[in-house]
Protein backbone atom coordinates (compact mmCIF):
# COMPACT_ATOMS: atom_id res chain seq x y z
CA MET A 1 28.25 -49.86 -73.49
CA ARG A 2 31.68 -49.32 -71.90
CA LEU A 3 31.32 -45.58 -72.44
CA LYS A 4 27.96 -45.58 -70.64
CA ARG A 5 29.48 -47.50 -67.73
CA SER A 6 32.43 -45.11 -67.66
CA LEU A 7 30.09 -42.12 -67.60
CA VAL A 8 27.94 -43.65 -64.84
CA VAL A 9 31.01 -44.40 -62.72
CA PHE A 10 32.38 -40.94 -63.43
CA SER A 11 29.06 -39.34 -62.40
CA ALA A 12 29.01 -41.32 -59.19
CA ILE A 13 32.58 -40.47 -58.30
CA LEU A 14 32.13 -36.83 -59.16
CA ALA A 15 29.13 -36.68 -56.86
CA MET A 16 30.89 -38.63 -54.12
CA GLY A 17 33.41 -35.85 -53.83
CA PHE A 18 30.65 -33.74 -52.33
CA VAL A 19 28.91 -36.24 -50.04
CA ALA A 20 31.24 -39.11 -49.17
CA SER A 21 33.04 -39.44 -45.86
CA ALA A 22 34.65 -42.91 -45.97
CA ASP A 23 35.69 -44.01 -49.43
CA SER A 24 37.84 -46.87 -50.62
CA VAL A 25 39.68 -46.76 -53.92
CA VAL A 26 40.64 -50.15 -55.33
CA MET A 27 43.55 -49.94 -57.72
CA LYS A 28 43.95 -52.20 -60.77
CA ASN A 29 47.05 -53.69 -59.13
CA GLY A 30 44.93 -54.76 -56.13
CA ASP A 31 45.99 -52.04 -53.68
CA HIS A 32 43.27 -50.43 -51.55
CA LEU A 33 43.41 -46.78 -50.49
CA THR A 34 41.05 -45.29 -47.92
CA GLY A 35 40.10 -41.66 -47.52
CA ILE A 36 37.69 -39.11 -48.94
CA VAL A 37 37.28 -38.60 -52.68
CA GLU A 38 37.44 -34.82 -52.95
CA VAL A 39 37.49 -34.04 -56.65
CA SER A 40 37.96 -35.48 -60.11
CA ASP A 41 39.14 -33.56 -63.14
CA GLY A 42 38.51 -36.29 -65.68
CA LYS A 43 42.12 -37.51 -65.63
CA ASN A 44 42.77 -37.85 -61.90
CA VAL A 45 40.89 -38.42 -58.67
CA THR A 46 42.04 -36.60 -55.55
CA LEU A 47 41.79 -38.78 -52.45
CA LYS A 48 42.33 -37.08 -49.08
CA THR A 49 43.84 -39.53 -46.59
CA ASP A 50 44.74 -39.29 -42.91
CA TYR A 51 48.09 -40.98 -43.49
CA ALA A 52 49.40 -39.38 -46.71
CA GLY A 53 47.46 -36.18 -47.23
CA GLU A 54 46.00 -35.60 -50.68
CA ILE A 55 46.85 -38.22 -53.30
CA GLN A 56 46.35 -37.72 -57.04
CA ILE A 57 45.29 -41.02 -58.65
CA ALA A 58 45.05 -41.50 -62.41
CA TRP A 59 41.63 -42.77 -63.53
CA ALA A 60 43.36 -45.36 -65.70
CA SER A 61 44.81 -47.05 -62.60
CA ILE A 62 41.51 -47.28 -60.69
CA SER A 63 39.48 -50.48 -60.74
CA GLU A 64 36.69 -49.49 -58.36
CA ILE A 65 35.60 -46.89 -55.83
CA LYS A 66 33.45 -47.82 -52.83
CA SER A 67 31.61 -45.54 -50.44
CA ASP A 68 29.41 -46.14 -47.40
CA LYS A 69 27.47 -42.92 -48.08
CA PRO A 70 24.63 -42.37 -50.55
CA ILE A 71 25.67 -41.13 -53.95
CA TYR A 72 24.17 -38.01 -55.49
CA VAL A 73 23.15 -38.60 -59.11
CA VAL A 74 24.43 -35.84 -61.38
CA LEU A 75 22.58 -37.03 -64.50
CA PRO A 76 19.74 -39.50 -65.00
CA ASP A 77 20.22 -42.61 -67.15
CA LYS A 78 18.33 -41.01 -70.05
CA SER A 79 20.97 -38.26 -70.23
CA LEU A 80 23.86 -40.72 -70.01
CA ILE A 81 22.34 -42.90 -72.74
CA ASP A 82 21.89 -39.86 -74.97
CA MET A 83 25.48 -38.81 -74.25
CA THR A 84 26.80 -42.24 -75.26
CA ARG A 85 24.84 -42.10 -78.51
CA ARG A 86 25.93 -38.57 -79.41
CA ARG A 87 29.50 -38.73 -78.06
CA PRO A 88 29.82 -34.95 -77.86
CA ALA A 89 33.25 -33.43 -78.37
CA THR A 90 32.44 -29.74 -77.80
CA LEU A 91 30.42 -27.67 -75.34
CA ALA A 92 27.92 -26.89 -78.12
CA GLU A 93 27.43 -30.60 -78.81
CA MET A 94 27.16 -31.32 -75.07
CA ALA A 95 24.42 -28.68 -74.76
CA GLU A 96 22.31 -30.78 -77.15
CA VAL A 97 22.35 -33.82 -74.82
CA HIS A 98 19.05 -34.54 -73.10
CA GLY A 99 18.98 -33.07 -69.58
CA ILE A 100 22.03 -30.83 -69.98
CA GLY A 101 20.95 -27.30 -69.20
CA GLU A 102 23.08 -24.23 -68.73
CA ALA A 103 23.96 -24.99 -65.08
CA LYS A 104 25.04 -28.59 -65.72
CA LEU A 105 26.87 -27.51 -68.84
CA LYS A 106 28.94 -25.00 -66.83
CA ARG A 107 29.50 -27.29 -63.87
CA TYR A 108 30.10 -30.74 -65.43
CA ALA A 109 30.53 -30.55 -69.22
CA ALA A 110 34.31 -30.19 -69.31
CA GLU A 111 34.80 -33.23 -67.11
CA PHE A 112 32.34 -35.38 -69.08
CA LEU A 113 33.94 -34.29 -72.36
CA GLU A 114 37.36 -35.31 -71.00
CA VAL A 115 36.07 -38.78 -70.03
CA ILE A 116 34.55 -39.22 -73.51
CA ARG A 117 37.80 -38.04 -75.15
CA GLN A 118 39.86 -40.47 -73.06
CA HIS A 119 37.52 -43.33 -73.88
CA GLN A 120 37.72 -42.63 -77.61
CA GLU A 121 41.51 -42.46 -77.45
CA GLY A 122 41.63 -45.74 -75.50
CA GLU A 123 43.17 -44.28 -72.34
């Protein structure tokens, strides 16, 4: 269940990098950072701020991300559920997940595989 939640949060944050304009990152230590989530590579989130430029934040230190903009859904729940059941470790295995076509495989698979790998290693 934690993996599914991690994948849902990851999907939301990945999508927010393309549509969000006022995001708030809440750190596990209680700090709040405000800016625009620009990109996530599976290990870090890049937050662009007015006061400190671009900040690389490790996923492991993030408690929550908030946005006042709608979030674009990268994958439907059915795909995320299938991904949590299969726990793919390779691109070939990811291609077998429900709803993962060639375009999504090229665009998102590496990042999803990294999140799954981190979860399995307990990061």
